[in-house]
């Protein structure tokens, strides 16, 4: 199977759906003439023209609203935010417009729109450009929230998001655009709301999503060397969350650790911990632990960033804690 970059997988997903359906279009800052801030849309202006690959002013509130209005009238927009930090300017349109329109119109209007772009930290970008809003958007009924961790899932999930009749928040990572992975050449769609067990194990369940899966996978590999067999679950989607997948794993391993880059209060990890203790309490042999980012605005200094973010060492320590390993 061929290997392509994360950005190339996203581009292929958009190209394939745009070739299939002329109602699909892309809009956002620098997506056309500049080929995208992260070169995700490279070459798409040449193929589809300026009516379907649209450069916008720096006005997220405005072009998010235009996208929602066009979706209500039969088009299928893909709205790119240069970063989801900037989506806060458009959050009224997303939450009070896109997410609620189906309900408030009594089912008369669907909003088939995708809001996509990078989330989380990308190095020394400081507090206002390094935030994770997956849990914010996942808190809102009417939205679906997708956070892929590899090129194959990125392509399959984005294709599913584009054809979905409801609004989808599709969150990527600046630090992953250059990552390479195997991606099928044939047409495929990855279902939204279905987690993936990427490594089977018997001793502890590790759950994560997005680029934090690199931390989870690195920890699982180190634990394997010590004879501790972790089962690894990549959520892929944080609304809806695939609770049955997690609970079935916990029934087997009897221990759960959730790893997430976001702040601890109101996190996806918190919600999963509640659900598992409610529905699988009798299977737990240890308290559920969560590993999150620091409860502060992300600092600029690289040494402080390292202290802020989850890392494999913290995951390994947590695993040994729930397994009551003292050495």
C-alpha atoms as a PDB file:
ATOM      1  CA  UNK A   1       0.000   0.000   0.000  1.00  0.00           C
ATOM      2  CA  UNK A   2       1.271   3.479  -0.837  1.00  0.00           C
ATOM      3  CA  UNK A   3       2.376   5.965   1.828  1.00  0.00           C
ATOM      4  CA  UNK A   4       1.228   9.590   1.638  1.00  0.00           C
ATOM      5  CA  UNK A   5       1.301  12.578   3.967  1.00  0.00           C
ATOM      6  CA  UNK A   6      -1.549  13.531   6.273  1.00  0.00           C
ATOM      7  CA  UNK A   7      -2.106  16.736   4.246  1.00  0.00           C
ATOM      8  CA  UNK A   8      -2.225  14.719   1.022  1.00  0.00           C
ATOM      9  CA  UNK A   9      -4.833  12.370   2.493  1.00  0.00           C
ATOM     10  CA  UNK A  10      -7.031  15.333   3.395  1.00  0.00           C
ATOM     11  CA  UNK A  11      -6.570  16.803  -0.081  1.00  0.00           C
ATOM     12  CA  UNK A  12      -7.527  13.522  -1.742  1.00  0.00           C
ATOM     13  CA  UNK A  13     -10.670  13.303   0.377  1.00  0.00           C
ATOM     14  CA  UNK A  14     -11.784  16.770  -0.685  1.00  0.00           C
ATOM     15  CA  UNK A  15     -10.845  16.242  -4.336  1.00  0.00           C
ATOM     16  CA  UNK A  16     -12.693  12.942  -4.593  1.00  0.00           C
ATOM     17  CA  UNK A  17     -15.884  14.319  -3.087  1.00  0.00           C
ATOM     18  CA  UNK A  18     -15.691  17.504  -5.184  1.00  0.00           C
ATOM     19  CA  UNK A  19     -15.305  15.445  -8.355  1.00  0.00           C
ATOM     20  CA  UNK A  20     -18.322  13.374  -7.339  1.00  0.00           C
ATOM     21  CA  UNK A  21     -20.593  16.224  -6.252  1.00  0.00           C
ATOM     22  CA  UNK A  22     -20.449  19.698  -7.792  1.00  0.00           C
ATOM     23  CA  UNK A  23     -22.209  21.134  -4.720  1.00  0.00           C
ATOM     24  CA  UNK A  24     -19.100  20.577  -2.577  1.00  0.00           C
ATOM     25  CA  UNK A  25     -16.805  23.579  -2.301  1.00  0.00           C
ATOM     26  CA  UNK A  26     -13.933  24.814  -0.092  1.00  0.00           C
ATOM     27  CA  UNK A  27     -13.611  28.261   1.448  1.00  0.00           C
ATOM     28  CA  UNK A  28     -11.250  29.883   3.938  1.00  0.00           C
ATOM     29  CA  UNK A  29      -8.225  32.097   4.376  1.00  0.00           C
ATOM     30  CA  UNK A  30      -5.467  31.405   1.810  1.00  0.00           C
ATOM     31  CA  UNK A  31      -7.011  28.136   0.585  1.00  0.00           C
ATOM     32  CA  UNK A  32      -6.863  29.158  -3.089  1.00  0.00           C
ATOM     33  CA  UNK A  33      -4.073  31.380  -4.416  1.00  0.00           C
ATOM     34  CA  UNK A  34      -1.631  30.376  -1.654  1.00  0.00           C
ATOM     35  CA  UNK A  35      -2.566  26.666  -1.884  1.00  0.00           C
ATOM     36  CA  UNK A  36      -3.555  26.613   1.789  1.00  0.00           C
ATOM     37  CA  UNK A  37      -1.663  27.804   4.855  1.00  0.00           C
ATOM     38  CA  UNK A  38      -0.478  24.201   5.367  1.00  0.00           C
ATOM     39  CA  UNK A  39      -0.644  23.250   1.655  1.00  0.00           C
ATOM     40  CA  UNK A  40      -3.618  20.963   2.225  1.00  0.00           C
ATOM     41  CA  UNK A  41      -5.477  22.493  -0.744  1.00  0.00           C
ATOM     42  CA  UNK A  42      -2.443  22.648  -3.041  1.00  0.00           C
ATOM     43  CA  UNK A  43      -3.466  22.472  -6.696  1.00  0.00           C
ATOM     44  CA  UNK A  44      -7.196  22.514  -5.983  1.00  0.00           C
ATOM     45  CA  UNK A  45      -7.732  26.028  -7.360  1.00  0.00           C
ATOM     46  CA  UNK A  46      -6.259  24.914 -10.692  1.00  0.00           C
ATOM     47  CA  UNK A  47      -8.576  21.910 -10.832  1.00  0.00           C
ATOM     48  CA  UNK A  48     -11.846  23.337  -9.555  1.00  0.00           C
ATOM     49  CA  UNK A  49     -11.596  27.065 -10.198  1.00  0.00           C
ATOM     50  CA  UNK A  50     -12.297  30.152  -8.124  1.00  0.00           C
ATOM     51  CA  UNK A  51     -16.028  29.455  -7.759  1.00  0.00           C
ATOM     52  CA  UNK A  52     -15.340  26.306  -5.730  1.00  0.00           C
ATOM     53  CA  UNK A  53     -12.002  27.113  -4.052  1.00  0.00           C
ATOM     54  CA  UNK A  54     -12.665  30.471  -2.440  1.00  0.00           C
ATOM     55  CA  UNK A  55     -10.223  32.758  -0.637  1.00  0.00           C
ATOM     56  CA  UNK A  56     -11.921  34.740   2.117  1.00  0.00           C
ATOM     57  CA  UNK A  57     -11.055  37.860   4.087  1.00  0.00           C
ATOM     58  CA  UNK A  58      -9.871  37.470   7.682  1.00  0.00           C
ATOM     59  CA  UNK A  59     -13.462  37.295   8.911  1.00  0.00           C
ATOM     60  CA  UNK A  60     -14.324  33.894  10.386  1.00  0.00           C
ATOM     61  CA  UNK A  61     -17.724  35.054  11.633  1.00  0.00           C
ATOM     62  CA  UNK A  62     -18.623  36.192   8.128  1.00  0.00           C
ATOM     63  CA  UNK A  63     -17.507  33.240   6.048  1.00  0.00           C
ATOM     64  CA  UNK A  64     -18.786  30.691   8.591  1.00  0.00           C
ATOM     65  CA  UNK A  65     -22.207  32.336   8.265  1.00  0.00           C
ATOM     66  CA  UNK A  66     -22.008  32.319   4.478  1.00  0.00           C
ATOM     67  CA  UNK A  67     -21.124  28.624   4.597  1.00  0.00           C
ATOM     68  CA  UNK A  68     -24.081  27.804   6.846  1.00  0.00           C
ATOM     69  CA  UNK A  69     -26.482  29.770   4.657  1.00  0.00           C
ATOM     70  CA  UNK A  70     -25.254  28.028   1.520  1.00  0.00           C
ATOM     71  CA  UNK A  71     -25.569  24.620   3.215  1.00  0.00           C
ATOM     72  CA  UNK A  72     -29.195  25.389   4.072  1.00  0.00           C
ATOM     73  CA  UNK A  73     -29.745  26.060   0.363  1.00  0.00           C
ATOM     74  CA  UNK A  74     -28.341  22.782  -0.957  1.00  0.00           C
ATOM     75  CA  UNK A  75     -24.572  23.272  -1.153  1.00  0.00           C
ATOM     76  CA  UNK A  76     -21.982  21.294   0.838  1.00  0.00           C
ATOM     77  CA  UNK A  77     -19.310  23.698   2.063  1.00  0.00           C
ATOM     78  CA  UNK A  78     -15.978  22.809   3.626  1.00  0.00           C
ATOM     79  CA  UNK A  79     -14.935  25.769   5.760  1.00  0.00           C
ATOM     80  CA  UNK A  80     -11.247  25.835   6.682  1.00  0.00           C
ATOM     81  CA  UNK A  81     -10.110  27.694   9.774  1.00  0.00           C
ATOM     82  CA  UNK A  82      -6.405  28.482   9.758  1.00  0.00           C
ATOM     83  CA  UNK A  83      -6.580  27.235  13.340  1.00  0.00           C
ATOM     84  CA  UNK A  84      -9.533  26.359  15.545  1.00  0.00           C
ATOM     85  CA  UNK A  85      -8.323  29.066  17.902  1.00  0.00           C
ATOM     86  CA  UNK A  86      -9.730  31.465  15.305  1.00  0.00           C
ATOM     87  CA  UNK A  87     -13.059  29.623  15.247  1.00  0.00           C
ATOM     88  CA  UNK A  88     -13.929  31.424  18.489  1.00  0.00           C
ATOM     89  CA  UNK A  89     -14.698  34.450  16.334  1.00  0.00           C
ATOM     90  CA  UNK A  90     -17.271  32.315  14.493  1.00  0.00           C
ATOM     91  CA  UNK A  91     -18.561  30.255  17.414  1.00  0.00           C
ATOM     92  CA  UNK A  92     -21.927  32.017  17.475  1.00  0.00           C
ATOM     93  CA  UNK A  93     -22.545  30.923  13.889  1.00  0.00           C
ATOM     94  CA  UNK A  94     -21.424  27.368  14.631  1.00  0.00           C
ATOM     95  CA  UNK A  95     -23.280  26.836  17.910  1.00  0.00           C
ATOM     96  CA  UNK A  96     -26.384  29.003  17.425  1.00  0.00           C
ATOM     97  CA  UNK A  97     -26.588  28.508  13.662  1.00  0.00           C
ATOM     98  CA  UNK A  98     -25.234  25.245  12.289  1.00  0.00           C
ATOM     99  CA  UNK A  99     -25.784  23.058  15.355  1.00  0.00           C
ATOM    100  CA  UNK A 100     -29.350  24.172  16.093  1.00  0.00           C
ATOM    101  CA  UNK A 101     -30.854  24.792  12.663  1.00  0.00           C
ATOM    102  CA  UNK A 102     -32.246  21.281  12.136  1.00  0.00           C
ATOM    103  CA  UNK A 103     -33.998  21.367  15.510  1.00  0.00           C
ATOM    104  CA  UNK A 104     -35.196  24.954  15.346  1.00  0.00           C
ATOM    105  CA  UNK A 105     -36.590  24.543  11.821  1.00  0.00           C
ATOM    106  CA  UNK A 106     -38.518  21.432  12.776  1.00  0.00           C
ATOM    107  CA  UNK A 107     -36.443  19.362  10.397  1.00  0.00           C
ATOM    108  CA  UNK A 108     -36.980  21.636   7.407  1.00  0.00           C
ATOM    109  CA  UNK A 109     -33.312  22.617   7.084  1.00  0.00           C
ATOM    110  CA  UNK A 110     -30.283  20.389   7.378  1.00  0.00           C
ATOM    111  CA  UNK A 111     -26.800  21.925   7.454  1.00  0.00           C
ATOM    112  CA  UNK A 112     -24.343  19.629   5.614  1.00  0.00           C
ATOM    113  CA  UNK A 113     -21.187  21.603   6.409  1.00  0.00           C
ATOM    114  CA  UNK A 114     -17.655  20.680   7.518  1.00  0.00           C
ATOM    115  CA  UNK A 115     -15.561  23.035   9.620  1.00  0.00           C
ATOM    116  CA  UNK A 116     -11.972  21.832   9.490  1.00  0.00           C
ATOM    117  CA  UNK A 117      -8.504  22.988  10.533  1.00  0.00           C
ATOM    118  CA  UNK A 118      -5.770  22.388  13.130  1.00  0.00           C
ATOM    119  CA  UNK A 119      -6.312  22.124  16.866  1.00  0.00           C
ATOM    120  CA  UNK A 120      -4.031  22.054  19.909  1.00  0.00           C
ATOM    121  CA  UNK A 121      -0.440  23.090  20.359  1.00  0.00           C
ATOM    122  CA  UNK A 122       2.027  23.241  17.488  1.00  0.00           C
ATOM    123  CA  UNK A 123       5.173  24.282  19.334  1.00  0.00           C
ATOM    124  CA  UNK A 124       6.073  27.738  20.555  1.00  0.00           C
ATOM    125  CA  UNK A 125       2.885  29.565  19.521  1.00  0.00           C
ATOM    126  CA  UNK A 126       1.847  30.582  23.048  1.00  0.00           C
ATOM    127  CA  UNK A 127      -1.534  30.565  24.713  1.00  0.00           C
ATOM    128  CA  UNK A 128      -3.876  32.067  22.110  1.00  0.00           C
ATOM    129  CA  UNK A 129      -2.794  29.742  19.297  1.00  0.00           C
ATOM    130  CA  UNK A 130      -2.418  26.439  21.158  1.00  0.00           C
ATOM    131  CA  UNK A 131      -5.821  25.574  22.580  1.00  0.00           C
ATOM    132  CA  UNK A 132      -7.840  22.376  22.314  1.00  0.00           C
ATOM    133  CA  UNK A 133     -11.564  22.902  21.798  1.00  0.00           C
ATOM    134  CA  UNK A 134     -12.617  19.325  21.038  1.00  0.00           C
ATOM    135  CA  UNK A 135     -14.528  19.070  24.305  1.00  0.00           C
ATOM    136  CA  UNK A 136     -16.123  22.508  23.806  1.00  0.00           C
ATOM    137  CA  UNK A 137     -17.661  21.552  20.488  1.00  0.00           C
ATOM    138  CA  UNK A 138     -18.440  17.994  21.600  1.00  0.00           C
ATOM    139  CA  UNK A 139     -20.559  19.506  24.376  1.00  0.00           C
ATOM    140  CA  UNK A 140     -23.021  20.912  21.821  1.00  0.00           C
ATOM    141  CA  UNK A 141     -25.900  18.731  20.528  1.00  0.00           C
ATOM    142  CA  UNK A 142     -26.257  18.975  16.778  1.00  0.00           C
ATOM    143  CA  UNK A 143     -22.538  18.764  16.022  1.00  0.00           C
ATOM    144  CA  UNK A 144     -20.328  15.793  15.272  1.00  0.00           C
ATOM    145  CA  UNK A 145     -16.665  16.136  16.258  1.00  0.00           C
ATOM    146  CA  UNK A 146     -13.929  14.160  14.499  1.00  0.00           C
ATOM    147  CA  UNK A 147     -10.232  14.082  15.476  1.00  0.00           C
ATOM    148  CA  UNK A 148      -8.173  11.677  13.300  1.00  0.00           C
ATOM    149  CA  UNK A 149      -4.715  10.469  14.281  1.00  0.00           C
ATOM    150  CA  UNK A 150      -3.291   9.140  10.991  1.00  0.00           C
ATOM    151  CA  UNK A 151      -3.537   9.725   7.225  1.00  0.00           C
ATOM    152  CA  UNK A 152      -5.795   6.742   6.462  1.00  0.00           C
ATOM    153  CA  UNK A 153      -8.376   7.764   9.046  1.00  0.00           C
ATOM    154  CA  UNK A 154      -8.040  11.410   8.041  1.00  0.00           C
ATOM    155  CA  UNK A 155      -9.060  10.623   4.474  1.00  0.00           C
ATOM    156  CA  UNK A 156     -11.825   8.163   5.284  1.00  0.00           C
ATOM    157  CA  UNK A 157     -13.328  10.288   8.036  1.00  0.00           C
ATOM    158  CA  UNK A 158     -13.188  13.520   6.026  1.00  0.00           C
ATOM    159  CA  UNK A 159     -14.993  11.844   3.125  1.00  0.00           C
ATOM    160  CA  UNK A 160     -17.666  10.666   5.555  1.00  0.00           C
ATOM    161  CA  UNK A 161     -17.886  14.159   7.065  1.00  0.00           C
ATOM    162  CA  UNK A 162     -18.394  15.794   3.655  1.00  0.00           C
ATOM    163  CA  UNK A 163     -21.334  13.532   2.754  1.00  0.00           C
ATOM    164  CA  UNK A 164     -22.868  13.727   6.244  1.00  0.00           C
ATOM    165  CA  UNK A 165     -26.164  15.654   6.318  1.00  0.00           C
ATOM    166  CA  UNK A 166     -25.252  17.338   9.623  1.00  0.00           C
ATOM    167  CA  UNK A 167     -22.511  19.812  10.623  1.00  0.00           C
ATOM    168  CA  UNK A 168     -19.156  18.193  11.402  1.00  0.00           C
ATOM    169  CA  UNK A 169     -16.234  19.722  13.283  1.00  0.00           C
ATOM    170  CA  UNK A 170     -13.111  18.123  11.799  1.00  0.00           C
ATOM    171  CA  UNK A 171      -9.981  18.778  13.871  1.00  0.00           C
ATOM    172  CA  UNK A 172      -6.459  18.154  12.629  1.00  0.00           C
ATOM    173  CA  UNK A 173      -2.971  19.082  13.919  1.00  0.00           C
ATOM    174  CA  UNK A 174      -0.280  21.296  12.471  1.00  0.00           C
ATOM    175  CA  UNK A 175       2.278  18.833  13.813  1.00  0.00           C
ATOM    176  CA  UNK A 176       0.775  15.968  11.798  1.00  0.00           C
ATOM    177  CA  UNK A 177       0.395  17.451   8.321  1.00  0.00           C
ATOM    178  CA  UNK A 178       3.758  16.035   7.262  1.00  0.00           C
ATOM    179  CA  UNK A 179       3.235  12.623   8.875  1.00  0.00           C
ATOM    180  CA  UNK A 180       3.206   9.730   6.431  1.00  0.00           C
ATOM    181  CA  UNK A 181       1.060   6.633   6.593  1.00  0.00           C
ATOM    182  CA  UNK A 182      -0.438   3.903   4.449  1.00  0.00           C
ATOM    183  CA  UNK A 183      -3.606   4.978   2.667  1.00  0.00           C
ATOM    184  CA  UNK A 184      -5.653   2.722   0.345  1.00  0.00           C
ATOM    185  CA  UNK A 185      -5.930   3.824  -3.260  1.00  0.00           C
ATOM    186  CA  UNK A 186      -9.457   2.526  -3.650  1.00  0.00           C
ATOM    187  CA  UNK A 187     -12.489   4.538  -2.550  1.00  0.00           C
ATOM    188  CA  UNK A 188     -13.408   4.054   1.108  1.00  0.00           C
ATOM    189  CA  UNK A 189     -15.273   5.803   3.906  1.00  0.00           C
ATOM    190  CA  UNK A 190     -14.471   5.519   7.607  1.00  0.00           C
ATOM    191  CA  UNK A 191     -17.642   5.611   9.723  1.00  0.00           C
ATOM    192  CA  UNK A 192     -18.077   8.534  12.111  1.00  0.00           C
ATOM    193  CA  UNK A 193     -18.620   7.428  15.704  1.00  0.00           C
ATOM    194  CA  UNK A 194     -16.644   4.191  15.539  1.00  0.00           C
ATOM    195  CA  UNK A 195     -13.451   3.888  17.611  1.00  0.00           C
ATOM    196  CA  UNK A 196     -10.535   1.677  16.560  1.00  0.00           C
ATOM    197  CA  UNK A 197      -8.720  -0.848  18.753  1.00  0.00           C
ATOM    198  CA  UNK A 198      -5.225  -0.302  17.373  1.00  0.00           C
ATOM    199  CA  UNK A 199      -3.468  -2.694  19.741  1.00  0.00           C
ATOM    200  CA  UNK A 200      -4.979  -5.553  21.694  1.00  0.00           C
ATOM    201  CA  UNK A 201      -3.968  -6.201  25.285  1.00  0.00           C
ATOM    202  CA  UNK A 202      -5.102  -7.713  28.565  1.00  0.00           C
ATOM    203  CA  UNK A 203      -3.660  -5.590  31.391  1.00  0.00           C
ATOM    204  CA  UNK A 204      -4.917  -2.017  30.950  1.00  0.00           C
ATOM    205  CA  UNK A 205      -6.952   0.014  28.465  1.00  0.00           C
ATOM    206  CA  UNK A 206      -5.388   3.204  27.102  1.00  0.00           C
ATOM    207  CA  UNK A 207      -7.742   5.622  25.322  1.00  0.00           C
ATOM    208  CA  UNK A 208      -6.757   8.694  23.300  1.00  0.00           C
ATOM    209  CA  UNK A 209      -7.465  10.575  20.075  1.00  0.00           C
ATOM    210  CA  UNK A 210      -5.738  12.844  17.569  1.00  0.00           C
ATOM    211  CA  UNK A 211      -2.027  13.488  17.755  1.00  0.00           C
ATOM    212  CA  UNK A 212      -1.937  12.403  21.420  1.00  0.00           C
ATOM    213  CA  UNK A 213      -2.090   8.847  20.044  1.00  0.00           C
ATOM    214  CA  UNK A 214       1.645   9.200  19.402  1.00  0.00           C
ATOM    215  CA  UNK A 215       2.121   9.505  23.165  1.00  0.00           C
ATOM    216  CA  UNK A 216      -0.229   6.601  23.859  1.00  0.00           C
ATOM    217  CA  UNK A 217       1.434   4.339  21.288  1.00  0.00           C
ATOM    218  CA  UNK A 218       4.925   5.156  22.542  1.00  0.00           C
ATOM    219  CA  UNK A 219       3.887   4.350  26.117  1.00  0.00           C
ATOM    220  CA  UNK A 220       2.247   1.075  25.052  1.00  0.00           C
ATOM    221  CA  UNK A 221       5.415   0.029  23.203  1.00  0.00           C
ATOM    222  CA  UNK A 222       7.580   0.685  26.272  1.00  0.00           C
ATOM    223  CA  UNK A 223       5.154  -1.148  28.551  1.00  0.00           C
ATOM    224  CA  UNK A 224       5.245  -4.146  26.227  1.00  0.00           C
ATOM    225  CA  UNK A 225       8.996  -4.424  26.839  1.00  0.00           C
ATOM    226  CA  UNK A 226       8.235  -4.758  30.550  1.00  0.00           C
ATOM    227  CA  UNK A 227       5.638  -7.460  29.995  1.00  0.00           C
ATOM    228  CA  UNK A 228       2.629  -5.159  30.458  1.00  0.00           C
ATOM    229  CA  UNK A 229       0.150  -5.613  27.613  1.00  0.00           C
ATOM    230  CA  UNK A 230      -1.924  -2.478  27.080  1.00  0.00           C
ATOM    231  CA  UNK A 231      -4.988  -2.388  24.868  1.00  0.00           C
ATOM    232  CA  UNK A 232      -4.986   0.848  22.851  1.00  0.00           C
ATOM    233  CA  UNK A 233      -8.162   2.557  21.634  1.00  0.00           C
ATOM    234  CA  UNK A 234      -8.135   5.473  19.196  1.00  0.00           C
ATOM    235  CA  UNK A 235     -11.500   7.228  19.623  1.00  0.00           C
ATOM    236  CA  UNK A 236     -11.282   8.979  16.222  1.00  0.00           C
ATOM    237  CA  UNK A 237     -14.595  10.697  17.038  1.00  0.00           C
ATOM    238  CA  UNK A 238     -15.372  12.518  20.300  1.00  0.00           C
ATOM    239  CA  UNK A 239     -19.013  13.197  19.442  1.00  0.00           C
ATOM    240  CA  UNK A 240     -20.426  10.640  19.272  1.00  0.00           C
ATOM    241  CA  UNK A 241     -18.089   8.654  21.560  1.00  0.00           C
ATOM    242  CA  UNK A 242     -17.939   4.903  20.975  1.00  0.00           C
ATOM    243  CA  UNK A 243     -18.669   3.926  24.573  1.00  0.00           C
ATOM    244  CA  UNK A 244     -19.374   0.233  23.816  1.00  0.00           C
ATOM    245  CA  UNK A 245     -15.846  -0.182  22.426  1.00  0.00           C
ATOM    246  CA  UNK A 246     -14.311   1.284  25.588  1.00  0.00           C
ATOM    247  CA  UNK A 247     -16.532  -0.665  27.971  1.00  0.00           C
ATOM    248  CA  UNK A 248     -15.902  -3.983  26.228  1.00  0.00           C
ATOM    249  CA  UNK A 249     -12.172  -3.348  26.538  1.00  0.00           C
ATOM    250  CA  UNK A 250     -12.464  -2.453  30.240  1.00  0.00           C
ATOM    251  CA  UNK A 251     -14.392  -5.669  30.847  1.00  0.00           C
ATOM    252  CA  UNK A 252     -11.311  -7.475  29.569  1.00  0.00           C
ATOM    253  CA  UNK A 253      -8.506  -5.403  31.121  1.00  0.00           C
ATOM    254  CA  UNK A 254     -10.266  -4.097  34.272  1.00  0.00           C
ATOM    255  CA  UNK A 255      -8.271  -0.861  34.179  1.00  0.00           C
ATOM    256  CA  UNK A 256      -8.621   2.389  32.245  1.00  0.00           C
ATOM    257  CA  UNK A 257      -6.445   5.417  31.559  1.00  0.00           C
ATOM    258  CA  UNK A 258      -7.606   8.227  29.241  1.00  0.00           C
ATOM    259  CA  UNK A 259      -5.020  10.544  27.693  1.00  0.00           C
ATOM    260  CA  UNK A 260      -5.975  13.950  26.304  1.00  0.00           C
ATOM    261  CA  UNK A 261      -4.143  17.185  25.456  1.00  0.00           C
ATOM    262  CA  UNK A 262      -6.895  19.512  26.640  1.00  0.00           C
ATOM    263  CA  UNK A 263      -7.410  21.102  30.060  1.00  0.00           C
ATOM    264  CA  UNK A 264      -8.725  18.746  32.765  1.00  0.00           C
ATOM    265  CA  UNK A 265     -12.023  20.427  33.732  1.00  0.00           C
ATOM    266  CA  UNK A 266     -14.912  19.240  31.571  1.00  0.00           C
ATOM    267  CA  UNK A 267     -12.599  17.168  29.375  1.00  0.00           C
ATOM    268  CA  UNK A 268     -13.481  14.229  27.130  1.00  0.00           C
ATOM    269  CA  UNK A 269     -11.497  12.105  29.611  1.00  0.00           C
ATOM    270  CA  UNK A 270     -13.783  13.211  32.425  1.00  0.00           C
ATOM    271  CA  UNK A 271     -16.891  12.216  30.484  1.00  0.00           C
ATOM    272  CA  UNK A 272     -15.459   8.802  29.606  1.00  0.00           C
ATOM    273  CA  UNK A 273     -14.472   8.195  33.227  1.00  0.00           C
ATOM    274  CA  UNK A 274     -18.027   8.942  34.370  1.00  0.00           C
ATOM    275  CA  UNK A 275     -19.603   6.694  31.743  1.00  0.00           C
ATOM    276  CA  UNK A 276     -17.329   3.736  32.469  1.00  0.00           C
ATOM    277  CA  UNK A 277     -17.729   3.916  36.251  1.00  0.00           C
ATOM    278  CA  UNK A 278     -21.501   4.098  35.731  1.00  0.00           C
ATOM    279  CA  UNK A 279     -21.841   1.223  33.265  1.00  0.00           C
ATOM    280  CA  UNK A 280     -18.826  -0.980  34.065  1.00  0.00           C
ATOM    281  CA  UNK A 281     -18.061  -0.275  37.743  1.00  0.00           C
ATOM    282  CA  UNK A 282     -18.033  -3.945  38.753  1.00  0.00           C
ATOM    283  CA  UNK A 283     -15.321  -4.697  36.187  1.00  0.00           C
ATOM    284  CA  UNK A 284     -12.850  -2.101  37.520  1.00  0.00           C
ATOM    285  CA  UNK A 285      -9.930  -3.310  39.632  1.00  0.00           C
ATOM    286  CA  UNK A 286      -8.475   0.185  40.095  1.00  0.00           C
ATOM    287  CA  UNK A 287      -9.609   3.816  39.882  1.00  0.00           C
ATOM    288  CA  UNK A 288      -9.846   5.308  36.399  1.00  0.00           C
ATOM    289  CA  UNK A 289      -7.011   7.749  35.773  1.00  0.00           C
ATOM    290  CA  UNK A 290      -6.803  10.573  33.244  1.00  0.00           C
ATOM    291  CA  UNK A 291      -3.759  12.348  31.883  1.00  0.00           C
ATOM    292  CA  UNK A 292      -4.426  15.802  30.451  1.00  0.00           C
ATOM    293  CA  UNK A 293      -2.654  19.023  29.641  1.00  0.00           C
ATOM    294  CA  UNK A 294      -1.848  21.449  32.424  1.00  0.00           C
ATOM    295  CA  UNK A 295      -4.620  23.516  33.991  1.00  0.00           C
ATOM    296  CA  UNK A 296      -3.043  26.775  32.795  1.00  0.00           C
ATOM    297  CA  UNK A 297      -2.797  28.683  29.489  1.00  0.00           C
ATOM    298  CA  UNK A 298      -0.115  26.971  27.412  1.00  0.00           C
ATOM    299  CA  UNK A 299       3.225  28.726  27.999  1.00  0.00           C
ATOM    300  CA  UNK A 300       5.592  29.876  25.254  1.00  0.00           C
ATOM    301  CA  UNK A 301       8.856  28.468  26.638  1.00  0.00           C
ATOM    302  CA  UNK A 302       9.641  24.985  25.253  1.00  0.00           C
ATOM    303  CA  UNK A 303      10.672  23.675  28.677  1.00  0.00           C
ATOM    304  CA  UNK A 304       7.295  24.685  30.104  1.00  0.00           C
ATOM    305  CA  UNK A 305       5.482  23.189  27.105  1.00  0.00           C
ATOM    306  CA  UNK A 306       7.127  19.846  27.893  1.00  0.00           C
ATOM    307  CA  UNK A 307       5.890  20.064  31.468  1.00  0.00           C
ATOM    308  CA  UNK A 308       2.389  20.993  30.298  1.00  0.00           C
ATOM    309  CA  UNK A 309       1.793  18.221  27.763  1.00  0.00           C
ATOM    310  CA  UNK A 310       1.077  14.528  28.379  1.00  0.00           C
ATOM    311  CA  UNK A 311       4.090  12.334  27.639  1.00  0.00           C
ATOM    312  CA  UNK A 312       4.844   8.598  27.565  1.00  0.00           C
ATOM    313  CA  UNK A 313       6.531   8.726  30.974  1.00  0.00           C
ATOM    314  CA  UNK A 314       3.360  10.045  32.620  1.00  0.00           C
ATOM    315  CA  UNK A 315       1.301   7.344  30.925  1.00  0.00           C
ATOM    316  CA  UNK A 316       3.693   4.581  32.007  1.00  0.00           C
ATOM    317  CA  UNK A 317       3.663   5.861  35.577  1.00  0.00           C
ATOM    318  CA  UNK A 318      -0.147   5.900  35.584  1.00  0.00           C
ATOM    319  CA  UNK A 319      -0.320   2.362  34.209  1.00  0.00           C
ATOM    320  CA  UNK A 320       1.938   1.071  36.963  1.00  0.00           C
ATOM    321  CA  UNK A 321      -0.174   2.917  39.510  1.00  0.00           C
ATOM    322  CA  UNK A 322      -3.422   1.247  38.439  1.00  0.00           C
ATOM    323  CA  UNK A 323      -1.648  -2.115  38.242  1.00  0.00           C
ATOM    324  CA  UNK A 324      -0.182  -1.598  41.713  1.00  0.00           C
ATOM    325  CA  UNK A 325       3.339  -2.128  40.421  1.00  0.00           C
ATOM    326  CA  UNK A 326       5.765  -0.667  42.956  1.00  0.00           C
ATOM    327  CA  UNK A 327       9.119  -1.250  41.262  1.00  0.00           C
END
